[in-house]
Amino acid sequence: MQFLNTFSKSQLSWLLLLIFIVFFEACALFFQHVMKLDPCVMCIYERVAMMGIGFAALLGMIAPQNAVIRWTGLAGWGYSAYQGLALANEHVGYQFNPSPFATCDLFVTFPEWAPLNQWVPWMFEATGDCSKVVWSFLGQSMPQWLVIIFAANLVVLALIVIAQFFGKKKERF
């Protein structure tokens, strides 16, 4: 735990988190623009949750030694990973428990102050069907992999949060 405590206070730890997120976002864009797999509404929302983790990583990289900034980064990471997990679970439900009464929206809805699908349509416009399985790897669909990825983020985050309480012990004389 001491190692995780020290490591979480380094810019390298936050940079590694950011690199993982950039990798996953690049994969999403590869699937969309190279493999021509149209993202659905849930895919876009999951993409935004992944970006939330990326922003938390950027925040943590600013000054990981500063407890307020580090804890804010950890909180942002946790919130985004939790929301991503909830979205991915819902998406899995649309794919494997289809119901005419439980469907995703036809169009993404972002706040008026941040219409990402209008600002950056090549990244945030949804044209796919949430209930279609268009890709799988090792028997898992894309949202099933996202459940694994977001859950793994929460497990790693939990370990790092616990490690925050295992700092160096001060010597007494």
N, C-alpha and C. Protein backbone atom coordinates (compact mmCIF):
# COMPACT_ATOMS: atom_id res chain seq x y z
N MET A 1 0.82 -1.19 0.00
CA MET A 1 0.00 0.00 0.00
C MET A 1 0.86 1.26 0.00
N GLN A 2 2.00 1.19 0.67
CA GLN A 2 2.90 2.34 0.70
C GLN A 2 3.33 2.73 -0.71
N PHE A 3 3.60 1.72 -1.54
CA PHE A 3 4.01 1.98 -2.94
C PHE A 3 2.90 2.73 -3.67
N LEU A 4 1.65 2.26 -3.55
CA LEU A 4 0.53 2.91 -4.24
C LEU A 4 0.33 4.34 -3.73
N ASN A 5 0.54 4.53 -2.44
CA ASN A 5 0.43 5.87 -1.87
C ASN A 5 1.44 6.80 -2.52
N THR A 6 2.69 6.37 -2.56
CA THR A 6 3.76 7.18 -3.15
C THR A 6 3.54 7.36 -4.64
N PHE A 7 3.16 6.28 -5.32
CA PHE A 7 2.98 6.32 -6.78
C PHE A 7 1.84 7.26 -7.16
N SER A 8 0.77 7.29 -6.37
CA SER A 8 -0.37 8.16 -6.69
C SER A 8 -0.01 9.63 -6.58
N LYS A 9 1.08 9.92 -5.91
CA LYS A 9 1.52 11.30 -5.74
C LYS A 9 2.55 11.70 -6.80
N SER A 10 2.72 10.85 -7.80
CA SER A 10 3.65 11.16 -8.89
C SER A 10 2.87 11.49 -10.16
N GLN A 11 3.45 12.34 -10.98
CA GLN A 11 2.81 12.66 -12.25
C GLN A 11 2.76 11.44 -13.17
N LEU A 12 3.70 10.53 -13.02
CA LEU A 12 3.74 9.33 -13.86
C LEU A 12 2.46 8.51 -13.70
N SER A 13 1.96 8.38 -12.47
CA SER A 13 0.75 7.57 -12.25
C SER A 13 -0.43 8.16 -13.01
N TRP A 14 -0.58 9.46 -12.95
CA TRP A 14 -1.69 10.13 -13.62
C TRP A 14 -1.49 10.12 -15.13
N LEU A 15 -0.24 10.21 -15.56
CA LEU A 15 0.06 10.13 -16.99
C LEU A 15 -0.30 8.75 -17.53
N LEU A 16 0.01 7.69 -16.78
CA LEU A 16 -0.36 6.33 -17.22
C LEU A 16 -1.87 6.19 -17.35
N LEU A 17 -2.61 6.74 -16.40
CA LEU A 17 -4.07 6.71 -16.50
C LEU A 17 -4.53 7.43 -17.76
N LEU A 18 -3.96 8.59 -18.01
CA LEU A 18 -4.32 9.36 -19.20
C LEU A 18 -3.98 8.59 -20.48
N ILE A 19 -2.83 7.93 -20.51
CA ILE A 19 -2.43 7.14 -21.69
C ILE A 19 -3.43 6.02 -21.95
N PHE A 20 -3.87 5.33 -20.90
CA PHE A 20 -4.88 4.28 -21.07
C PHE A 20 -6.17 4.86 -21.66
N ILE A 21 -6.59 6.00 -21.16
CA ILE A 21 -7.83 6.60 -21.63
C ILE A 21 -7.68 7.05 -23.08
N VAL A 22 -6.56 7.66 -23.43
CA VAL A 22 -6.32 8.07 -24.81
C VAL A 22 -6.33 6.84 -25.72
N PHE A 23 -5.75 5.73 -25.26
CA PHE A 23 -5.77 4.49 -26.03
C PHE A 23 -7.20 4.02 -26.29
N PHE A 24 -8.02 4.00 -25.24
CA PHE A 24 -9.40 3.54 -25.41
C PHE A 24 -10.21 4.49 -26.29
N GLU A 25 -9.98 5.79 -26.16
CA GLU A 25 -10.67 6.75 -27.04
C GLU A 25 -10.21 6.57 -28.49
N ALA A 26 -8.92 6.34 -28.68
CA ALA A 26 -8.40 6.09 -30.04
C ALA A 26 -9.02 4.82 -30.63
N CYS A 27 -9.19 3.80 -29.80
CA CYS A 27 -9.85 2.57 -30.26
C CYS A 27 -11.27 2.87 -30.72
N ALA A 28 -11.99 3.67 -29.94
CA ALA A 28 -13.37 4.01 -30.29
C ALA A 28 -13.41 4.73 -31.64
N LEU A 29 -12.50 5.66 -31.83
CA LEU A 29 -12.46 6.38 -33.10
C LEU A 29 -12.02 5.48 -34.25
N PHE A 30 -11.14 4.53 -33.98
CA PHE A 30 -10.73 3.55 -34.99
C PHE A 30 -11.94 2.70 -35.41
N PHE A 31 -12.69 2.22 -34.42
CA PHE A 31 -13.89 1.43 -34.74
C PHE A 31 -14.86 2.25 -35.57
N GLN A 32 -15.01 3.53 -35.22
CA GLN A 32 -15.97 4.38 -35.90
C GLN A 32 -15.53 4.77 -37.30
N HIS A 33 -14.30 5.25 -37.44
CA HIS A 33 -13.89 5.85 -38.71
C HIS A 33 -13.12 4.92 -39.64
N VAL A 34 -12.47 3.90 -39.10
CA VAL A 34 -11.72 2.97 -39.94
C VAL A 34 -12.55 1.70 -40.21
N MET A 35 -13.09 1.14 -39.14
CA MET A 35 -13.89 -0.08 -39.31
C MET A 35 -15.33 0.23 -39.71
N LYS A 36 -15.69 1.52 -39.71
CA LYS A 36 -17.02 1.98 -40.12
C LYS A 36 -18.15 1.40 -39.26
N LEU A 37 -17.92 1.27 -37.96
CA LEU A 37 -18.94 0.83 -37.02
C LEU A 37 -19.60 2.08 -36.44
N ASP A 38 -20.85 2.30 -36.76
CA ASP A 38 -21.55 3.49 -36.30
C ASP A 38 -21.78 3.44 -34.79
N PRO A 39 -21.36 4.48 -34.06
CA PRO A 39 -21.61 4.49 -32.62
C PRO A 39 -23.07 4.83 -32.33
N CYS A 40 -23.61 4.20 -31.31
CA CYS A 40 -24.98 4.48 -30.89
C CYS A 40 -24.95 5.54 -29.79
N VAL A 41 -26.13 5.91 -29.34
CA VAL A 41 -26.24 6.92 -28.29
C VAL A 41 -25.49 6.49 -27.03
N MET A 42 -25.66 5.23 -26.63
CA MET A 42 -24.97 4.75 -25.43
C MET A 42 -23.46 4.75 -25.63
N CYS A 43 -22.99 4.43 -26.82
CA CYS A 43 -21.55 4.46 -27.12
C CYS A 43 -21.01 5.87 -26.90
N ILE A 44 -21.76 6.86 -27.36
CA ILE A 44 -21.31 8.24 -27.20
C ILE A 44 -21.28 8.63 -25.73
N TYR A 45 -22.30 8.26 -24.99
CA TYR A 45 -22.31 8.58 -23.55
C TYR A 45 -21.16 7.87 -22.83
N GLU A 46 -20.88 6.62 -23.21
CA GLU A 46 -19.76 5.89 -22.61
C GLU A 46 -18.44 6.56 -22.97
N ARG A 47 -18.37 7.07 -24.19
CA ARG A 47 -17.17 7.80 -24.63
C ARG A 47 -16.97 9.05 -23.77
N VAL A 48 -18.04 9.74 -23.46
CA VAL A 48 -17.95 10.94 -22.61
C VAL A 48 -17.51 10.55 -21.20
N ALA A 49 -18.02 9.45 -20.68
CA ALA A 49 -17.59 8.99 -19.35
C ALA A 49 -16.09 8.68 -19.35
N MET A 50 -15.62 8.05 -20.43
CA MET A 50 -14.19 7.75 -20.55
C MET A 50 -13.39 9.05 -20.57
N MET A 51 -13.92 10.05 -21.27
CA MET A 51 -13.23 11.35 -21.32
C MET A 51 -13.22 12.00 -19.95
N GLY A 52 -14.25 11.76 -19.15
CA GLY A 52 -14.26 12.29 -17.78
C GLY A 52 -13.09 11.75 -16.98
N ILE A 53 -12.79 10.47 -17.18
CA ILE A 53 -11.61 9.89 -16.50
C ILE A 53 -10.35 10.57 -17.01
N GLY A 54 -10.31 10.84 -18.31
CA GLY A 54 -9.15 11.53 -18.89
C GLY A 54 -8.95 12.92 -18.29
N PHE A 55 -10.05 13.66 -18.13
CA PHE A 55 -9.96 14.99 -17.52
C PHE A 55 -9.52 14.90 -16.06
N ALA A 56 -10.00 13.88 -15.36
CA ALA A 56 -9.56 13.66 -13.97
C ALA A 56 -8.06 13.37 -13.93
N ALA A 57 -7.58 12.60 -14.91
CA ALA A 57 -6.15 12.30 -14.98
C ALA A 57 -5.34 13.57 -15.25
N LEU A 58 -5.84 14.41 -16.14
CA LEU A 58 -5.15 15.69 -16.41
C LEU A 58 -5.09 16.54 -15.15
N LEU A 59 -6.20 16.58 -14.42
CA LEU A 59 -6.23 17.35 -13.17
C LEU A 59 -5.22 16.79 -12.18
N GLY A 60 -5.22 15.47 -12.01
CA GLY A 60 -4.27 14.85 -11.08
C GLY A 60 -2.83 15.09 -11.47
N MET A 61 -2.56 15.20 -12.77
CA MET A 61 -1.19 15.44 -13.23
C MET A 61 -0.69 16.83 -12.89
N ILE A 62 -1.60 17.77 -12.71
CA ILE A 62 -1.19 19.16 -12.45
C ILE A 62 -0.31 19.25 -11.21
N ALA A 63 -0.77 18.67 -10.12
CA ALA A 63 -0.01 18.73 -8.87
C ALA A 63 -0.40 17.56 -7.98
N PRO A 64 0.07 16.36 -8.30
CA PRO A 64 -0.35 15.18 -7.54
C PRO A 64 0.10 15.19 -6.07
N GLN A 65 1.08 16.01 -5.73
CA GLN A 65 1.51 16.11 -4.34
C GLN A 65 0.51 16.92 -3.50
N ASN A 66 -0.27 17.77 -4.16
CA ASN A 66 -1.26 18.58 -3.48
C ASN A 66 -2.48 17.71 -3.19
N ALA A 67 -2.81 17.55 -1.91
CA ALA A 67 -3.88 16.65 -1.51
C ALA A 67 -5.24 17.05 -2.09
N VAL A 68 -5.53 18.34 -2.15
CA VAL A 68 -6.83 18.79 -2.67
C VAL A 68 -6.95 18.44 -4.16
N ILE A 69 -5.92 18.71 -4.91
CA ILE A 69 -5.95 18.40 -6.35
C ILE A 69 -5.99 16.89 -6.56
N ARG A 70 -5.18 16.16 -5.81
CA ARG A 70 -5.16 14.69 -5.96
C ARG A 70 -6.52 14.09 -5.63
N TRP A 71 -7.12 14.52 -4.50
CA TRP A 71 -8.42 13.98 -4.11
C TRP A 71 -9.52 14.39 -5.09
N THR A 72 -9.41 15.59 -5.65
CA THR A 72 -10.38 16.02 -6.66
C THR A 72 -10.25 15.15 -7.91
N GLY A 73 -9.01 14.86 -8.30
CA GLY A 73 -8.77 13.96 -9.43
C GLY A 73 -9.31 12.56 -9.15
N LEU A 74 -9.09 12.07 -7.94
CA LEU A 74 -9.60 10.74 -7.58
C LEU A 74 -11.12 10.72 -7.60
N ALA A 75 -11.73 11.79 -7.10
CA ALA A 75 -13.20 11.87 -7.09
C ALA A 75 -13.75 11.92 -8.51
N GLY A 76 -13.11 12.70 -9.37
CA GLY A 76 -13.55 12.78 -10.77
C GLY A 76 -13.39 11.45 -11.47
N TRP A 77 -12.30 10.77 -11.18
CA TRP A 77 -12.05 9.45 -11.75
C TRP A 77 -13.16 8.48 -11.30
N GLY A 78 -13.45 8.50 -10.01
CA GLY A 78 -14.47 7.60 -9.47
C GLY A 78 -15.85 7.89 -10.02
N TYR A 79 -16.21 9.16 -10.08
CA TYR A 79 -17.53 9.53 -10.60
C TYR A 79 -17.67 9.11 -12.06
N SER A 80 -16.67 9.41 -12.86
CA SER A 80 -16.73 9.08 -14.29
C SER A 80 -16.72 7.58 -14.52
N ALA A 81 -15.90 6.85 -13.79
CA ALA A 81 -15.85 5.39 -13.95
C ALA A 81 -17.17 4.76 -13.50
N TYR A 82 -17.75 5.27 -12.43
CA TYR A 82 -19.03 4.74 -11.96
C TYR A 82 -20.13 4.99 -12.99
N GLN A 83 -20.19 6.22 -13.49
CA GLN A 83 -21.19 6.55 -14.51
C GLN A 83 -20.98 5.71 -15.76
N GLY A 84 -19.72 5.54 -16.16
CA GLY A 84 -19.42 4.71 -17.32
C GLY A 84 -19.86 3.27 -17.12
N LEU A 85 -19.63 2.74 -15.93
CA LEU A 85 -20.04 1.37 -15.62
C LEU A 85 -21.57 1.25 -15.70
N ALA A 86 -22.27 2.22 -15.14
CA ALA A 86 -23.74 2.19 -15.18
C ALA A 86 -24.24 2.26 -16.62
N LEU A 87 -23.63 3.12 -17.43
CA LEU A 87 -24.03 3.23 -18.84
C LEU A 87 -23.74 1.94 -19.60
N ALA A 88 -22.56 1.38 -19.38
CA ALA A 88 -22.18 0.14 -20.08
C ALA A 88 -23.10 -1.01 -19.68
N ASN A 89 -23.46 -1.10 -18.40
CA ASN A 89 -24.40 -2.13 -17.95
C ASN A 89 -25.76 -1.96 -18.63
N GLU A 90 -26.22 -0.73 -18.70
CA GLU A 90 -27.49 -0.45 -19.38
C GLU A 90 -27.41 -0.84 -20.85
N HIS A 91 -26.28 -0.54 -21.47
CA HIS A 91 -26.07 -0.86 -22.89
C HIS A 91 -26.07 -2.37 -23.11
N VAL A 92 -25.44 -3.11 -22.22
CA VAL A 92 -25.44 -4.58 -22.30
C VAL A 92 -26.89 -5.08 -22.22
N GLY A 93 -27.68 -4.47 -21.37
CA GLY A 93 -29.09 -4.85 -21.26
C GLY A 93 -29.84 -4.64 -22.57
N TYR A 94 -29.57 -3.53 -23.23
CA TYR A 94 -30.22 -3.27 -24.53
C TYR A 94 -29.84 -4.34 -25.55
N GLN A 95 -28.60 -4.81 -25.48
CA GLN A 95 -28.13 -5.78 -26.46
C GLN A 95 -28.63 -7.20 -26.17
N PHE A 96 -28.64 -7.59 -24.92
CA PHE A 96 -28.89 -8.99 -24.61
C PHE A 96 -30.23 -9.26 -23.94
N ASN A 97 -30.97 -8.22 -23.62
CA ASN A 97 -32.33 -8.36 -23.09
C ASN A 97 -33.24 -7.37 -23.83
N PRO A 98 -33.34 -7.50 -25.15
CA PRO A 98 -34.09 -6.49 -25.91
C PRO A 98 -35.56 -6.46 -25.51
N SER A 99 -36.08 -5.24 -25.49
CA SER A 99 -37.48 -5.03 -25.15
C SER A 99 -37.96 -3.79 -25.90
N PRO A 100 -39.15 -3.83 -26.45
CA PRO A 100 -39.66 -2.63 -27.11
C PRO A 100 -39.94 -1.49 -26.12
N PHE A 101 -39.97 -1.82 -24.83
CA PHE A 101 -40.25 -0.82 -23.80
C PHE A 101 -38.98 -0.23 -23.20
N ALA A 102 -37.85 -0.86 -23.48
CA ALA A 102 -36.57 -0.37 -22.95
C ALA A 102 -35.61 -0.21 -24.12
N THR A 103 -35.54 1.00 -24.62
CA THR A 103 -34.64 1.30 -25.73
C THR A 103 -33.86 2.57 -25.41
N CYS A 104 -32.76 2.74 -26.08
CA CYS A 104 -32.00 3.97 -25.87
C CYS A 104 -32.61 5.08 -26.72
N ASP A 105 -32.20 6.29 -26.45
CA ASP A 105 -32.70 7.44 -27.20
C ASP A 105 -32.27 7.34 -28.67
N LEU A 106 -32.98 8.02 -29.52
CA LEU A 106 -32.62 8.04 -30.94
C LEU A 106 -31.47 9.01 -31.20
N PHE A 107 -31.40 10.07 -30.39
CA PHE A 107 -30.39 11.09 -30.58
C PHE A 107 -29.72 11.39 -29.24
N VAL A 108 -28.44 11.77 -29.30
CA VAL A 108 -27.75 12.15 -28.06
C VAL A 108 -28.33 13.47 -27.57
N THR A 109 -28.37 13.62 -26.26
CA THR A 109 -28.83 14.87 -25.68
C THR A 109 -27.76 15.38 -24.73
N PHE A 110 -27.15 16.46 -25.14
CA PHE A 110 -26.16 17.13 -24.31
C PHE A 110 -26.77 18.43 -23.80
N PRO A 111 -26.21 18.97 -22.73
CA PRO A 111 -26.74 20.25 -22.23
C PRO A 111 -26.62 21.34 -23.30
N GLU A 112 -27.51 22.32 -23.22
CA GLU A 112 -27.48 23.43 -24.19
C GLU A 112 -26.14 24.15 -24.19
N TRP A 113 -25.50 24.20 -23.01
CA TRP A 113 -24.23 24.92 -22.90
C TRP A 113 -23.05 24.11 -23.44
N ALA A 114 -23.28 22.83 -23.77
CA ALA A 114 -22.20 21.99 -24.32
C ALA A 114 -22.75 20.99 -25.33
N PRO A 115 -23.24 21.47 -26.47
CA PRO A 115 -23.77 20.55 -27.48
C PRO A 115 -22.64 19.88 -28.26
N LEU A 116 -21.99 18.91 -27.61
CA LEU A 116 -20.80 18.28 -28.19
C LEU A 116 -21.07 17.68 -29.57
N ASN A 117 -22.27 17.13 -29.76
CA ASN A 117 -22.59 16.52 -31.05
C ASN A 117 -22.68 17.56 -32.17
N GLN A 118 -22.89 18.81 -31.83
CA GLN A 118 -22.90 19.88 -32.84
C GLN A 118 -21.50 20.46 -33.02
N TRP A 119 -20.75 20.56 -31.94
CA TRP A 119 -19.42 21.12 -32.00
C TRP A 119 -18.44 20.16 -32.68
N VAL A 120 -18.52 18.88 -32.32
CA VAL A 120 -17.58 17.88 -32.83
C VAL A 120 -18.37 16.64 -33.29
N PRO A 121 -19.12 16.79 -34.38
CA PRO A 121 -19.99 15.68 -34.79
C PRO A 121 -19.24 14.40 -35.16
N TRP A 122 -18.03 14.51 -35.67
CA TRP A 122 -17.27 13.31 -36.05
C TRP A 122 -16.91 12.45 -34.84
N MET A 123 -17.07 13.01 -33.64
CA MET A 123 -16.75 12.26 -32.44
C MET A 123 -17.98 11.98 -31.57
N PHE A 124 -18.98 12.86 -31.62
CA PHE A 124 -20.09 12.76 -30.67
C PHE A 124 -21.47 12.60 -31.30
N GLU A 125 -21.55 12.37 -32.59
CA GLU A 125 -22.85 12.14 -33.22
C GLU A 125 -23.12 10.65 -33.29
N ALA A 126 -24.30 10.25 -32.85
CA ALA A 126 -24.67 8.83 -32.81
C ALA A 126 -25.53 8.48 -34.02
N THR A 127 -25.16 7.41 -34.71
CA THR A 127 -25.92 6.96 -35.87
C THR A 127 -26.22 5.46 -35.80
N GLY A 128 -25.73 4.79 -34.78
CA GLY A 128 -25.91 3.35 -34.67
C GLY A 128 -27.11 2.96 -33.83
N ASP A 129 -27.33 1.66 -33.73
CA ASP A 129 -28.43 1.07 -32.97
C ASP A 129 -27.87 0.44 -31.70
N CYS A 130 -28.38 0.86 -30.56
CA CYS A 130 -27.88 0.38 -29.26
C CYS A 130 -28.05 -1.12 -29.06
N SER A 131 -29.06 -1.70 -29.67
CA SER A 131 -29.34 -3.12 -29.42
C SER A 131 -28.57 -4.06 -30.34
N LYS A 132 -27.91 -3.52 -31.35
CA LYS A 132 -27.15 -4.36 -32.28
C LYS A 132 -25.75 -4.65 -31.75
N VAL A 133 -25.35 -5.90 -31.83
CA VAL A 133 -23.96 -6.27 -31.52
C VAL A 133 -23.20 -6.22 -32.85
N VAL A 134 -22.36 -5.20 -33.00
CA VAL A 134 -21.67 -5.01 -34.27
C VAL A 134 -20.21 -5.47 -34.22
N TRP A 135 -19.74 -5.82 -33.02
CA TRP A 135 -18.34 -6.21 -32.86
C TRP A 135 -18.24 -7.03 -31.60
N SER A 136 -17.39 -8.04 -31.64
CA SER A 136 -17.10 -8.80 -30.41
C SER A 136 -15.67 -9.29 -30.47
N PHE A 137 -15.12 -9.51 -29.29
CA PHE A 137 -13.76 -9.99 -29.14
C PHE A 137 -13.74 -10.93 -27.95
N LEU A 138 -13.23 -12.13 -28.15
CA LEU A 138 -13.21 -13.16 -27.11
C LEU A 138 -14.61 -13.40 -26.52
N GLY A 139 -15.60 -13.34 -27.39
CA GLY A 139 -16.97 -13.62 -26.98
C GLY A 139 -17.67 -12.49 -26.26
N GLN A 140 -17.05 -11.34 -26.14
CA GLN A 140 -17.64 -10.20 -25.44
C GLN A 140 -17.92 -9.07 -26.43
N SER A 141 -19.09 -8.47 -26.31
CA SER A 141 -19.42 -7.33 -27.16
C SER A 141 -18.69 -6.08 -26.62
N MET A 142 -18.76 -5.01 -27.40
CA MET A 142 -18.07 -3.78 -27.00
C MET A 142 -18.56 -3.26 -25.64
N PRO A 143 -19.88 -3.17 -25.39
CA PRO A 143 -20.28 -2.70 -24.07
C PRO A 143 -19.91 -3.66 -22.94
N GLN A 144 -19.81 -4.95 -23.24
CA GLN A 144 -19.36 -5.88 -22.21
C GLN A 144 -17.90 -5.61 -21.86
N TRP A 145 -17.09 -5.29 -22.88
CA TRP A 145 -15.70 -4.92 -22.60
C TRP A 145 -15.65 -3.63 -21.80
N LEU A 146 -16.56 -2.71 -22.11
CA LEU A 146 -16.57 -1.45 -21.35
C LEU A 146 -16.96 -1.68 -19.89
N VAL A 147 -17.83 -2.64 -19.64
CA VAL A 147 -18.15 -3.00 -18.24
C VAL A 147 -16.86 -3.44 -17.55
N ILE A 148 -16.09 -4.28 -18.21
CA ILE A 148 -14.82 -4.76 -17.64
C ILE A 148 -13.86 -3.60 -17.42
N ILE A 149 -13.73 -2.72 -18.41
CA ILE A 149 -12.78 -1.60 -18.33
C ILE A 149 -13.17 -0.63 -17.21
N PHE A 150 -14.46 -0.26 -17.16
CA PHE A 150 -14.89 0.67 -16.11
C PHE A 150 -14.80 0.03 -14.72
N ALA A 151 -15.15 -1.25 -14.63
CA ALA A 151 -15.04 -1.95 -13.34
C ALA A 151 -13.58 -2.04 -12.90
N ALA A 152 -12.68 -2.32 -13.83
CA ALA A 152 -11.25 -2.37 -13.50
C ALA A 152 -10.77 -1.01 -13.02
N ASN A 153 -11.26 0.06 -13.64
CA ASN A 153 -10.93 1.40 -13.18
C ASN A 153 -11.36 1.60 -11.74
N LEU A 154 -12.55 1.14 -11.40
CA LEU A 154 -13.04 1.30 -10.03
C LEU A 154 -12.25 0.47 -9.04
N VAL A 155 -11.81 -0.72 -9.43
CA VAL A 155 -10.99 -1.56 -8.54
C VAL A 155 -9.65 -0.89 -8.29
N VAL A 156 -9.00 -0.42 -9.36
CA VAL A 156 -7.70 0.26 -9.19
C VAL A 156 -7.88 1.53 -8.35
N LEU A 157 -8.93 2.28 -8.65
CA LEU A 157 -9.21 3.49 -7.87
C LEU A 157 -9.40 3.17 -6.39
N ALA A 158 -10.15 2.11 -6.09
CA ALA A 158 -10.37 1.73 -4.69
C ALA A 158 -9.05 1.43 -3.99
N LEU A 159 -8.17 0.72 -4.66
CA LEU A 159 -6.86 0.41 -4.07
C LEU A 159 -6.07 1.69 -3.81
N ILE A 160 -6.12 2.61 -4.76
CA ILE A 160 -5.36 3.85 -4.60
C ILE A 160 -5.96 4.72 -3.50
N VAL A 161 -7.28 4.75 -3.40
CA VAL A 161 -7.92 5.52 -2.33
C VAL A 161 -7.55 4.92 -0.97
N ILE A 162 -7.61 3.61 -0.85
CA ILE A 162 -7.22 2.96 0.41
C ILE A 162 -5.77 3.27 0.74
N ALA A 163 -4.93 3.26 -0.29
CA ALA A 163 -3.50 3.53 -0.08
C ALA A 163 -3.24 4.94 0.42
N GLN A 164 -4.17 5.86 0.18
CA GLN A 164 -3.97 7.24 0.64
C GLN A 164 -3.86 7.32 2.16
N PHE A 165 -4.36 6.31 2.84
CA PHE A 165 -4.34 6.30 4.30
C PHE A 165 -3.14 5.53 4.86
N PHE A 166 -2.22 5.15 3.97
CA PHE A 166 -1.04 4.39 4.37
C PHE A 166 0.21 5.17 4.01
N GLY A 167 0.33 6.37 4.51
CA GLY A 167 1.49 7.20 4.24
C GLY A 167 2.69 6.75 5.08
N LYS A 168 3.80 7.44 4.85
CA LYS A 168 5.00 7.12 5.64
C LYS A 168 4.76 7.42 7.09
N LYS A 169 5.18 6.51 7.93
CA LYS A 169 5.04 6.73 9.37
C LYS A 169 6.17 7.63 9.84
N LYS A 170 5.82 8.56 10.68
CA LYS A 170 6.81 9.49 11.21
C LYS A 170 7.53 8.83 12.37
N GLU A 171 8.85 9.00 12.37
CA GLU A 171 9.65 8.44 13.45
C GLU A 171 9.50 9.31 14.70
N ARG A 172 9.45 8.65 15.83
CA ARG A 172 9.37 9.38 17.10
C ARG A 172 10.69 9.19 17.84
N PHE A 173 11.14 10.25 18.41
CA PHE A 173 12.40 10.18 19.17
C PHE A 173 12.16 10.43 20.62
